[in-house]
PDB file of all heavy atoms in Angstrom:
ATOM      1  N   ALA A   1       6.637 -43.256 -27.902  1.00  0.00           N
ATOM      2  CA  ALA A   1       7.440 -44.496 -28.291  1.00  0.00           C
ATOM      3  C   ALA A   1       8.780 -44.419 -27.842  1.00  0.00           C
ATOM      4  O   ALA A   1       9.588 -45.431 -27.947  1.00  0.00           O
ATOM      5  CB  ALA A   1       7.274 -44.745 -29.742  1.00  0.00           C
ATOM      6  N   GLY A   2       9.334 -43.174 -27.584  1.00  0.00           N
ATOM      7  CA  GLY A   2      10.725 -43.010 -27.151  1.00  0.00           C
ATOM      8  C   GLY A   2      11.188 -43.690 -25.892  1.00  0.00           C
ATOM      9  O   GLY A   2      10.348 -43.793 -24.974  1.00  0.00           O
ATOM     10  N   PRO A   3      12.380 -44.247 -25.824  1.00  0.00           N
ATOM     11  CA  PRO A   3      12.851 -44.861 -24.577  1.00  0.00           C
ATOM     12  C   PRO A   3      12.726 -44.099 -23.325  1.00  0.00           C
ATOM     13  O   PRO A   3      12.645 -44.683 -22.221  1.00  0.00           O
ATOM     14  CB  PRO A   3      14.343 -45.232 -24.931  1.00  0.00           C
ATOM     15  CG  PRO A   3      14.314 -45.269 -26.496  1.00  0.00           C
ATOM     16  CD  PRO A   3      13.432 -44.228 -26.932  1.00  0.00           C
ATOM     17  N   LEU A   4      12.855 -42.775 -23.435  1.00  0.00           N
ATOM     18  CA  LEU A   4      12.781 -41.918 -22.266  1.00  0.00           C
ATOM     19  C   LEU A   4      11.348 -41.599 -21.854  1.00  0.00           C
ATOM     20  O   LEU A   4      11.221 -40.841 -20.828  1.00  0.00           O
ATOM     21  CB  LEU A   4      13.659 -40.650 -22.431  1.00  0.00           C
ATOM     22  CG  LEU A   4      15.188 -40.834 -22.570  1.00  0.00           C
ATOM     23  CD1 LEU A   4      15.887 -39.509 -22.687  1.00  0.00           C
ATOM     24  CD2 LEU A   4      15.746 -41.650 -21.355  1.00  0.00           C
ATOM     25  N   HIS A   5      10.473 -42.091 -22.594  1.00  0.00           N
ATOM     26  CA  HIS A   5       9.066 -41.695 -22.267  1.00  0.00           C
ATOM     27  C   HIS A   5       8.229 -42.976 -22.055  1.00  0.00           C
ATOM     28  O   HIS A   5       8.216 -43.612 -20.914  1.00  0.00           O
ATOM     29  CB  HIS A   5       8.539 -40.799 -23.373  1.00  0.00           C
ATOM     30  CG  HIS A   5       7.199 -40.113 -23.000  1.00  0.00           C
ATOM     31  ND1 HIS A   5       6.731 -40.123 -21.814  1.00  0.00           N
ATOM     32  CD2 HIS A   5       6.347 -39.387 -23.787  1.00  0.00           C
ATOM     33  CE1 HIS A   5       5.617 -39.427 -21.793  1.00  0.00           C
ATOM     34  NE2 HIS A   5       5.342 -38.924 -23.065  1.00  0.00           N
ATOM     35  N   GLY A   6       7.445 -43.466 -23.017  1.00  0.00           N
ATOM     36  CA  GLY A   6       6.596 -44.552 -22.841  1.00  0.00           C
ATOM     37  C   GLY A   6       7.190 -45.919 -22.699  1.00  0.00           C
ATOM     38  O   GLY A   6       6.445 -46.776 -22.218  1.00  0.00           O
ATOM     39  N   LEU A   7       8.436 -45.984 -23.127  1.00  0.00           N
ATOM     40  CA  LEU A   7       9.069 -47.419 -23.060  1.00  0.00           C
ATOM     41  C   LEU A   7       9.614 -47.652 -21.636  1.00  0.00           C
ATOM     42  O   LEU A   7      10.157 -48.703 -21.344  1.00  0.00           O
ATOM     43  CB  LEU A   7      10.156 -47.474 -24.078  1.00  0.00           C
ATOM     44  CG  LEU A   7       9.834 -47.614 -25.530  1.00  0.00           C
ATOM     45  CD1 LEU A   7      11.062 -47.790 -26.358  1.00  0.00           C
ATOM     46  CD2 LEU A   7       8.857 -48.731 -25.731  1.00  0.00           C
ATOM     47  N   ALA A   8       9.450 -46.677 -20.730  1.00  0.00           N
ATOM     48  CA  ALA A   8      10.079 -46.915 -19.355  1.00  0.00           C
ATOM     49  C   ALA A   8       9.627 -48.037 -18.652  1.00  0.00           C
ATOM     50  O   ALA A   8      10.375 -48.724 -17.926  1.00  0.00           O
ATOM     51  CB  ALA A   8       9.898 -45.638 -18.554  1.00  0.00           C
ATOM     52  N   ASN A   9       8.247 -48.386 -18.764  1.00  0.00           N
ATOM     53  CA  ASN A   9       7.727 -49.542 -17.924  1.00  0.00           C
ATOM     54  C   ASN A   9       8.349 -50.805 -18.501  1.00  0.00           C
ATOM     55  O   ASN A   9       8.389 -51.788 -17.769  1.00  0.00           O
ATOM     56  CB  ASN A   9       6.167 -49.596 -17.957  1.00  0.00           C
ATOM     57  CG  ASN A   9       5.584 -49.503 -19.389  1.00  0.00           C
ATOM     58  OD1 ASN A   9       6.250 -49.622 -20.361  1.00  0.00           O
ATOM     59  ND2 ASN A   9       4.278 -49.334 -19.405  1.00  0.00           N
ATOM     60  N   GLN A  10       8.517 -50.911 -19.770  1.00  0.00           N
ATOM     61  CA  GLN A  10       9.199 -52.065 -20.467  1.00  0.00           C
ATOM     62  C   GLN A  10      10.667 -52.155 -19.961  1.00  0.00           C
ATOM     63  O   GLN A  10      11.098 -53.299 -19.580  1.00  0.00           O
ATOM     64  CB  GLN A  10       9.185 -51.825 -21.957  1.00  0.00           C
ATOM     65  CG  GLN A  10       9.751 -53.025 -22.694  1.00  0.00           C
ATOM     66  CD  GLN A  10       9.603 -52.867 -24.194  1.00  0.00           C
ATOM     67  OE1 GLN A  10       8.690 -52.135 -24.733  1.00  0.00           O
ATOM     68  NE2 GLN A  10      10.557 -53.404 -25.023  1.00  0.00           N
ATOM     69  N   GLU A  11      11.356 -51.080 -19.755  1.00  0.00           N
ATOM     70  CA  GLU A  11      12.696 -51.045 -19.277  1.00  0.00           C
ATOM     71  C   GLU A  11      12.759 -51.584 -17.787  1.00  0.00           C
ATOM     72  O   GLU A  11      13.754 -52.262 -17.383  1.00  0.00           O
ATOM     73  CB  GLU A  11      13.421 -49.787 -19.483  1.00  0.00           C
ATOM     74  CG  GLU A  11      13.545 -49.416 -20.861  1.00  0.00           C
ATOM     75  CD  GLU A  11      14.374 -48.044 -21.009  1.00  0.00           C
ATOM     76  OE1 GLU A  11      14.424 -47.352 -20.071  1.00  0.00           O
ATOM     77  OE2 GLU A  11      14.906 -47.883 -22.060  1.00  0.00           O
ATOM     78  N   VAL A  12      11.720 -51.258 -17.046  1.00  0.00           N
ATOM     79  CA  VAL A  12      11.608 -51.680 -15.620  1.00  0.00           C
ATOM     80  C   VAL A  12      11.583 -53.298 -15.592  1.00  0.00           C
ATOM     81  O   VAL A  12      12.285 -53.871 -14.836  1.00  0.00           O
ATOM     82  CB  VAL A  12      10.451 -51.125 -14.877  1.00  0.00           C
ATOM     83  CG1 VAL A  12      10.101 -51.743 -13.559  1.00  0.00           C
ATOM     84  CG2 VAL A  12      10.569 -49.608 -14.787  1.00  0.00           C
ATOM     85  N   LEU A  13      10.676 -53.783 -16.519  1.00  0.00           N
ATOM     86  CA  LEU A  13      10.576 -55.277 -16.468  1.00  0.00           C
ATOM     87  C   LEU A  13      11.891 -56.005 -16.927  1.00  0.00           C
ATOM     88  O   LEU A  13      12.187 -57.001 -16.374  1.00  0.00           O
ATOM     89  CB  LEU A  13       9.478 -55.627 -17.432  1.00  0.00           C
ATOM     90  CG  LEU A  13       8.009 -55.552 -16.927  1.00  0.00           C
ATOM     91  CD1 LEU A  13       7.066 -56.002 -17.982  1.00  0.00           C
ATOM     92  CD2 LEU A  13       7.873 -56.598 -15.691  1.00  0.00           C
ATOM     93  N   VAL A  14      12.543 -55.352 -17.911  1.00  0.00           N
ATOM     94  CA  VAL A  14      13.820 -55.930 -18.318  1.00  0.00           C
ATOM     95  C   VAL A  14      14.907 -55.949 -17.090  1.00  0.00           C
ATOM     96  O   VAL A  14      15.577 -56.943 -16.830  1.00  0.00           O
ATOM     97  CB  VAL A  14      14.529 -55.141 -19.529  1.00  0.00           C
ATOM     98  CG1 VAL A  14      15.873 -55.609 -19.691  1.00  0.00           C
ATOM     99  CG2 VAL A  14      13.601 -55.248 -20.645  1.00  0.00           C
ATOM    100  N   TRP A  15      14.853 -54.880 -16.300  1.00  0.00           N
ATOM    101  CA  TRP A  15      15.826 -54.657 -15.234  1.00  0.00           C
ATOM    102  C   TRP A  15      15.383 -55.804 -14.152  1.00  0.00           C
ATOM    103  O   TRP A  15      16.247 -56.401 -13.497  1.00  0.00           O
ATOM    104  CB  TRP A  15      15.761 -53.335 -14.632  1.00  0.00           C
ATOM    105  CG  TRP A  15      16.732 -53.017 -13.605  1.00  0.00           C
ATOM    106  CD1 TRP A  15      18.121 -52.698 -13.830  1.00  0.00           C
ATOM    107  CD2 TRP A  15      16.503 -52.892 -12.231  1.00  0.00           C
ATOM    108  NE1 TRP A  15      18.700 -52.539 -12.612  1.00  0.00           N
ATOM    109  CE2 TRP A  15      17.742 -52.681 -11.590  1.00  0.00           C
ATOM    110  CE3 TRP A  15      15.351 -53.222 -11.378  1.00  0.00           C
ATOM    111  CZ2 TRP A  15      17.835 -52.537 -10.208  1.00  0.00           C
ATOM    112  CZ3 TRP A  15      15.497 -53.056 -10.004  1.00  0.00           C
ATOM    113  CH2 TRP A  15      16.755 -52.723  -9.393  1.00  0.00           C
ATOM    114  N   LEU A  16      14.081 -55.842 -13.909  1.00  0.00           N
ATOM    115  CA  LEU A  16      13.596 -56.800 -12.869  1.00  0.00           C
ATOM    116  C   LEU A  16      13.918 -58.167 -13.230  1.00  0.00           C
ATOM    117  O   LEU A  16      14.266 -59.038 -12.439  1.00  0.00           O
ATOM    118  CB  LEU A  16      12.076 -56.669 -12.676  1.00  0.00           C
ATOM    119  CG  LEU A  16      11.550 -55.347 -11.930  1.00  0.00           C
ATOM    120  CD1 LEU A  16      10.092 -55.316 -11.894  1.00  0.00           C
ATOM    121  CD2 LEU A  16      12.088 -55.334 -10.484  1.00  0.00           C
ATOM    122  N   THR A  17      13.718 -58.554 -14.505  1.00  0.00           N
ATOM    123  CA  THR A  17      13.996 -59.881 -14.954  1.00  0.00           C
ATOM    124  C   THR A  17      15.527 -60.252 -14.842  1.00  0.00           C
ATOM    125  O   THR A  17      15.935 -61.347 -14.365  1.00  0.00           O
ATOM    126  CB  THR A  17      13.652 -60.084 -16.432  1.00  0.00           C
ATOM    127  OG1 THR A  17      12.267 -59.796 -16.603  1.00  0.00           O
ATOM    128  CG2 THR A  17      13.861 -61.382 -17.015  1.00  0.00           C
ATOM    129  N   ASN A  18      16.374 -59.241 -15.201  1.00  0.00           N
ATOM    130  CA  ASN A  18      17.839 -59.428 -14.888  1.00  0.00           C
ATOM    131  C   ASN A  18      18.173 -59.621 -13.398  1.00  0.00           C
ATOM    132  O   ASN A  18      18.968 -60.486 -13.142  1.00  0.00           O
ATOM    133  CB  ASN A  18      18.528 -58.197 -15.487  1.00  0.00           C
ATOM    134  CG  ASN A  18      20.021 -58.350 -15.515  1.00  0.00           C
ATOM    135  OD1 ASN A  18      20.511 -59.500 -15.644  1.00  0.00           O
ATOM    136  ND2 ASN A  18      20.744 -57.254 -15.236  1.00  0.00           N
ATOM    137  N   LEU A  19      17.444 -58.925 -12.585  1.00  0.00           N
ATOM    138  CA  LEU A  19      17.672 -59.047 -11.161  1.00  0.00           C
ATOM    139  C   LEU A  19      17.306 -60.471 -10.700  1.00  0.00           C
ATOM    140  O   LEU A  19      18.020 -61.045  -9.996  1.00  0.00           O
ATOM    141  CB  LEU A  19      16.847 -57.949 -10.469  1.00  0.00           C
ATOM    142  CG  LEU A  19      17.172 -57.738  -8.907  1.00  0.00           C
ATOM    143  CD1 LEU A  19      16.584 -56.306  -8.527  1.00  0.00           C
ATOM    144  CD2 LEU A  19      16.432 -58.814  -8.086  1.00  0.00           C
ATOM    145  N   ARG A  20      16.113 -60.885 -11.128  1.00  0.00           N
ATOM    146  CA  ARG A  20      15.648 -62.224 -10.738  1.00  0.00           C
ATOM    147  C   ARG A  20      16.506 -63.336 -11.245  1.00  0.00           C
ATOM    148  O   ARG A  20      16.728 -64.383 -10.530  1.00  0.00           O
ATOM    149  CB  ARG A  20      14.169 -62.463 -11.204  1.00  0.00           C
ATOM    150  CG  ARG A  20      13.203 -61.480 -10.611  1.00  0.00           C
ATOM    151  CD  ARG A  20      11.868 -61.763 -11.157  1.00  0.00           C
ATOM    152  NE  ARG A  20      11.106 -62.883 -10.545  1.00  0.00           N
ATOM    153  CZ  ARG A  20       9.928 -63.282 -10.902  1.00  0.00           C
ATOM    154  NH1 ARG A  20       9.301 -62.746 -11.965  1.00  0.00           N
ATOM    155  NH2 ARG A  20       9.302 -64.329 -10.363  1.00  0.00           N
ATOM    156  N   ASN A  21      16.986 -63.193 -12.433  1.00  0.00           N
ATOM    157  CA  ASN A  21      17.952 -64.175 -13.069  1.00  0.00           C
ATOM    158  C   ASN A  21      19.140 -64.367 -12.288  1.00  0.00           C
ATOM    159  O   ASN A  21      19.746 -65.471 -12.181  1.00  0.00           O
ATOM    160  CB  ASN A  21      18.170 -63.893 -14.506  1.00  0.00           C
ATOM    161  CG  ASN A  21      16.927 -64.089 -15.380  1.00  0.00           C
ATOM    162  OD1 ASN A  21      16.001 -64.789 -15.034  1.00  0.00           O
ATOM    163  ND2 ASN A  21      16.909 -63.549 -16.532  1.00  0.00           N
ATOM    164  N   LYS A  22      19.716 -63.135 -11.782  1.00  0.00           N
ATOM    165  CA  LYS A  22      20.961 -63.216 -11.081  1.00  0.00           C
ATOM    166  C   LYS A  22      20.984 -63.586  -9.607  1.00  0.00           C
ATOM    167  O   LYS A  22      21.834 -64.153  -9.083  1.00  0.00           O
ATOM    168  CB  LYS A  22      21.676 -61.792 -11.283  1.00  0.00           C
ATOM    169  CG  LYS A  22      22.141 -61.606 -12.735  1.00  0.00           C
ATOM    170  CD  LYS A  22      22.976 -60.284 -12.773  1.00  0.00           C
ATOM    171  CE  LYS A  22      23.464 -60.101 -14.160  1.00  0.00           C
ATOM    172  NZ  LYS A  22      24.313 -58.856 -14.346  1.00  0.00           N
ATOM    173  N   ILE A  23      19.758 -63.128  -8.991  1.00  0.00           N
ATOM    174  CA  ILE A  23      19.671 -63.375  -7.557  1.00  0.00           C
ATOM    175  C   ILE A  23      18.577 -64.172  -7.162  1.00  0.00           C
ATOM    176  O   ILE A  23      18.565 -64.849  -6.115  1.00  0.00           O
ATOM    177  CB  ILE A  23      19.554 -61.911  -6.865  1.00  0.00           C
ATOM    178  CG1 ILE A  23      20.649 -60.986  -7.284  1.00  0.00           C
ATOM    179  CG2 ILE A  23      19.507 -62.067  -5.304  1.00  0.00           C
ATOM    180  CD1 ILE A  23      20.501 -59.528  -6.695  1.00  0.00           C
ATOM    181  N   GLY A  24      17.386 -64.257  -7.889  1.00  0.00           N
ATOM    182  CA  GLY A  24      16.343 -65.011  -7.423  1.00  0.00           C
ATOM    183  C   GLY A  24      15.286 -64.152  -6.853  1.00  0.00           C
ATOM    184  O   GLY A  24      15.408 -62.894  -6.701  1.00  0.00           O
ATOM    185  N   ASP A  25      14.204 -64.830  -6.401  1.00  0.00           N
ATOM    186  CA  ASP A  25      13.117 -64.117  -5.785  1.00  0.00           C
ATOM    187  C   ASP A  25      13.257 -63.848  -4.241  1.00  0.00           C
ATOM    188  O   ASP A  25      12.861 -62.854  -3.638  1.00  0.00           O
ATOM    189  CB  ASP A  25      11.712 -64.845  -6.001  1.00  0.00           C
ATOM    190  CG  ASP A  25      11.310 -64.756  -7.464  1.00  0.00           C
ATOM    191  OD1 ASP A  25      11.509 -63.599  -8.047  1.00  0.00           O
ATOM    192  OD2 ASP A  25      10.742 -65.660  -7.940  1.00  0.00           O
ATOM    193  N   ASN A  26      13.844 -64.889  -3.597  1.00  0.00           N
ATOM    194  CA  ASN A  26      14.031 -64.804  -2.231  1.00  0.00           C
ATOM    195  C   ASN A  26      15.290 -64.025  -1.761  1.00  0.00           C
ATOM    196  O   ASN A  26      16.233 -64.599  -1.314  1.00  0.00           O
ATOM    197  CB  ASN A  26      14.088 -66.181  -1.590  1.00  0.00           C
ATOM    198  CG  ASN A  26      12.763 -66.944  -1.837  1.00  0.00           C
ATOM    199  OD1 ASN A  26      11.639 -66.338  -1.683  1.00  0.00           O
ATOM    200  ND2 ASN A  26      12.887 -68.211  -2.169  1.00  0.00           N
ATOM    201  N   VAL A  27      15.296 -62.716  -2.113  1.00  0.00           N
ATOM    202  CA  VAL A  27      16.470 -61.976  -1.849  1.00  0.00           C
ATOM    203  C   VAL A  27      16.368 -61.189  -0.564  1.00  0.00           C
ATOM    204  O   VAL A  27      15.327 -60.888   0.008  1.00  0.00           O
ATOM    205  CB  VAL A  27      16.637 -60.918  -3.002  1.00  0.00           C
ATOM    206  CG1 VAL A  27      16.802 -61.601  -4.406  1.00  0.00           C
ATOM    207  CG2 VAL A  27      15.417 -59.930  -3.129  1.00  0.00           C
ATOM    208  N   THR A  28      17.555 -60.796  -0.072  1.00  0.00           N
ATOM    209  CA  THR A  28      17.663 -60.072   1.165  1.00  0.00           C
ATOM    210  C   THR A  28      17.881 -58.614   0.811  1.00  0.00           C
ATOM    211  O   THR A  28      18.109 -58.314  -0.430  1.00  0.00           O
ATOM    212  CB  THR A  28      18.816 -60.567   1.996  1.00  0.00           C
ATOM    213  OG1 THR A  28      20.176 -60.186   1.278  1.00  0.00           O
ATOM    214  CG2 THR A  28      18.845 -61.969   2.335  1.00  0.00           C
ATOM    215  N   GLU A  29      17.697 -57.707   1.771  1.00  0.00           N
ATOM    216  CA  GLU A  29      17.785 -56.337   1.454  1.00  0.00           C
ATOM    217  C   GLU A  29      19.260 -56.010   1.126  1.00  0.00           C
ATOM    218  O   GLU A  29      19.566 -55.173   0.244  1.00  0.00           O
ATOM    219  CB  GLU A  29      17.419 -55.512   2.620  1.00  0.00           C
ATOM    220  CG  GLU A  29      15.963 -55.468   2.859  1.00  0.00           C
ATOM    221  CD  GLU A  29      15.534 -54.224   3.837  1.00  0.00           C
ATOM    222  OE1 GLU A  29      16.407 -53.527   4.235  1.00  0.00           O
ATOM    223  OE2 GLU A  29      14.295 -54.166   4.049  1.00  0.00           O
ATOM    224  N   GLU A  30      20.237 -56.750   1.709  1.00  0.00           N
ATOM    225  CA  GLU A  30      21.676 -56.454   1.454  1.00  0.00           C
ATOM    226  C   GLU A  30      21.983 -56.915  -0.054  1.00  0.00           C
ATOM    227  O   GLU A  30      22.705 -56.227  -0.731  1.00  0.00           O
ATOM    228  CB  GLU A  30      22.568 -57.329   2.331  1.00  0.00           C
ATOM    229  CG  GLU A  30      22.613 -56.733   3.750  1.00  0.00           C
ATOM    230  CD  GLU A  30      23.034 -55.184   3.775  1.00  0.00           C
ATOM    231  OE1 GLU A  30      24.017 -54.917   3.142  1.00  0.00           O
ATOM    232  OE2 GLU A  30      22.300 -54.497   4.424  1.00  0.00           O
ATOM    233  N   GLN A  31      21.379 -57.978  -0.519  1.00  0.00           N
ATOM    234  CA  GLN A  31      21.567 -58.451  -1.795  1.00  0.00           C
ATOM    235  C   GLN A  31      21.007 -57.434  -2.787  1.00  0.00           C
ATOM    236  O   GLN A  31      21.667 -57.129  -3.893  1.00  0.00           O
ATOM    237  CB  GLN A  31      20.900 -59.792  -2.129  1.00  0.00           C
ATOM    238  CG  GLN A  31      21.701 -61.015  -1.540  1.00  0.00           C
ATOM    239  CD  GLN A  31      20.864 -62.264  -1.688  1.00  0.00           C
ATOM    240  OE1 GLN A  31      19.682 -62.412  -1.388  1.00  0.00           O
ATOM    241  NE2 GLN A  31      21.671 -63.299  -2.155  1.00  0.00           N
ATOM    242  N   LEU A  32      19.811 -56.880  -2.545  1.00  0.00           N
ATOM    243  CA  LEU A  32      19.223 -55.906  -3.359  1.00  0.00           C
ATOM    244  C   LEU A  32      20.055 -54.537  -3.357  1.00  0.00           C
ATOM    245  O   LEU A  32      20.260 -53.987  -4.399  1.00  0.00           O
ATOM    246  CB  LEU A  32      17.875 -55.505  -2.859  1.00  0.00           C
ATOM    247  CG  LEU A  32      16.747 -56.515  -3.198  1.00  0.00           C
ATOM    248  CD1 LEU A  32      15.480 -55.999  -2.422  1.00  0.00           C
ATOM    249  CD2 LEU A  32      16.553 -56.719  -4.711  1.00  0.00           C
ATOM    250  N   LYS A  33      20.572 -54.197  -2.194  1.00  0.00           N
ATOM    251  CA  LYS A  33      21.414 -53.012  -2.176  1.00  0.00           C
ATOM    252  C   LYS A  33      22.694 -53.251  -3.097  1.00  0.00           C
ATOM    253  O   LYS A  33      23.055 -52.285  -3.765  1.00  0.00           O
ATOM    254  CB  LYS A  33      21.813 -52.673  -0.767  1.00  0.00           C
ATOM    255  CG  LYS A  33      20.703 -52.212   0.160  1.00  0.00           C
ATOM    256  CD  LYS A  33      21.198 -51.903   1.555  1.00  0.00           C
ATOM    257  CE  LYS A  33      20.092 -51.410   2.487  1.00  0.00           C
ATOM    258  NZ  LYS A  33      20.522 -51.280   3.871  1.00  0.00           N
ATOM    259  N   ASP A  34      23.270 -54.410  -2.978  1.00  0.00           N
ATOM    260  CA  ASP A  34      24.518 -54.615  -3.771  1.00  0.00           C
ATOM    261  C   ASP A  34      24.134 -54.532  -5.249  1.00  0.00           C
ATOM    262  O   ASP A  34      24.968 -53.939  -6.035  1.00  0.00           O
ATOM    263  CB  ASP A  34      25.052 -55.979  -3.432  1.00  0.00           C
ATOM    264  CG  ASP A  34      25.669 -55.991  -2.031  1.00  0.00           C
ATOM    265  OD1 ASP A  34      26.079 -54.905  -1.583  1.00  0.00           O
ATOM    266  OD2 ASP A  34      25.880 -57.132  -1.494  1.00  0.00           O
ATOM    267  N   PHE A  35      22.985 -55.169  -5.667  1.00  0.00           N
ATOM    268  CA  PHE A  35      22.692 -55.111  -7.076  1.00  0.00           C
ATOM    269  C   PHE A  35      22.375 -53.748  -7.569  1.00  0.00           C
ATOM    270  O   PHE A  35      22.737 -53.282  -8.677  1.00  0.00           O
ATOM    271  CB  PHE A  35      21.345 -56.118  -7.231  1.00  0.00           C
ATOM    272  CG  PHE A  35      20.946 -56.173  -8.663  1.00  0.00           C
ATOM    273  CD1 PHE A  35      21.577 -57.312  -9.475  1.00  0.00           C
ATOM    274  CD2 PHE A  35      20.122 -55.369  -9.382  1.00  0.00           C
ATOM    275  CE1 PHE A  35      21.276 -57.369 -10.774  1.00  0.00           C
ATOM    276  CE2 PHE A  35      19.829 -55.565 -10.676  1.00  0.00           C
ATOM    277  CZ  PHE A  35      20.394 -56.611 -11.435  1.00  0.00           C
ATOM    278  N   ILE A  36      21.729 -52.984  -6.728  1.00  0.00           N
ATOM    279  CA  ILE A  36      21.375 -51.602  -7.071  1.00  0.00           C
ATOM    280  C   ILE A  36      22.619 -50.721  -7.199  1.00  0.00           C
ATOM    281  O   ILE A  36      22.853 -49.958  -8.179  1.00  0.00           O
ATOM    282  CB  ILE A  36      20.421 -50.871  -6.045  1.00  0.00           C
ATOM    283  CG1 ILE A  36      18.964 -51.619  -6.000  1.00  0.00           C
ATOM    284  CG2 ILE A  36      20.223 -49.382  -6.289  1.00  0.00           C
ATOM    285  CD1 ILE A  36      18.239 -51.363  -4.807  1.00  0.00           C
ATOM    286  N   TRP A  37      23.556 -50.849  -6.262  1.00  0.00           N
ATOM    287  CA  TRP A  37      24.878 -50.138  -6.324  1.00  0.00           C
ATOM    288  C   TRP A  37      25.568 -50.466  -7.601  1.00  0.00           C
ATOM    289  O   TRP A  37      26.245 -49.646  -8.213  1.00  0.00           O
ATOM    290  CB  TRP A  37      25.692 -50.300  -5.022  1.00  0.00           C
ATOM    291  CG  TRP A  37      25.310 -49.449  -3.975  1.00  0.00           C
ATOM    292  CD1 TRP A  37      24.746 -49.730  -2.676  1.00  0.00           C
ATOM    293  CD2 TRP A  37      25.474 -47.998  -3.952  1.00  0.00           C
ATOM    294  NE1 TRP A  37      24.604 -48.687  -1.935  1.00  0.00           N
ATOM    295  CE2 TRP A  37      24.969 -47.469  -2.634  1.00  0.00           C
ATOM    296  CE3 TRP A  37      25.962 -47.044  -4.777  1.00  0.00           C
ATOM    297  CZ2 TRP A  37      25.018 -46.131  -2.248  1.00  0.00           C
ATOM    298  CZ3 TRP A  37      25.971 -45.755  -4.521  1.00  0.00           C
ATOM    299  CH2 TRP A  37      25.523 -45.292  -3.206  1.00  0.00           C
ATOM    300  N   ASN A  38      25.662 -51.737  -7.904  1.00  0.00           N
ATOM    301  CA  ASN A  38      26.328 -52.193  -9.049  1.00  0.00           C
ATOM    302  C   ASN A  38      25.708 -51.584 -10.311  1.00  0.00           C
ATOM    303  O   ASN A  38      26.455 -51.246 -11.274  1.00  0.00           O
ATOM    304  CB  ASN A  38      26.288 -53.756  -9.207  1.00  0.00           C
ATOM    305  CG  ASN A  38      27.182 -54.414  -8.117  1.00  0.00           C
ATOM    306  OD1 ASN A  38      28.112 -53.803  -7.631  1.00  0.00           O
ATOM    307  ND2 ASN A  38      26.897 -55.658  -7.818  1.00  0.00           N
TER     308      ASN A  38
END
């Protein structure tokens, strides 16, 4: 149940949702790179 173990897949979804809310689905590789670097 710890965040560094089984909760990881949940954290992936939170991060993906944040990405989609800020950039959308039709993203370019450059936009993704900027988001990842940030």
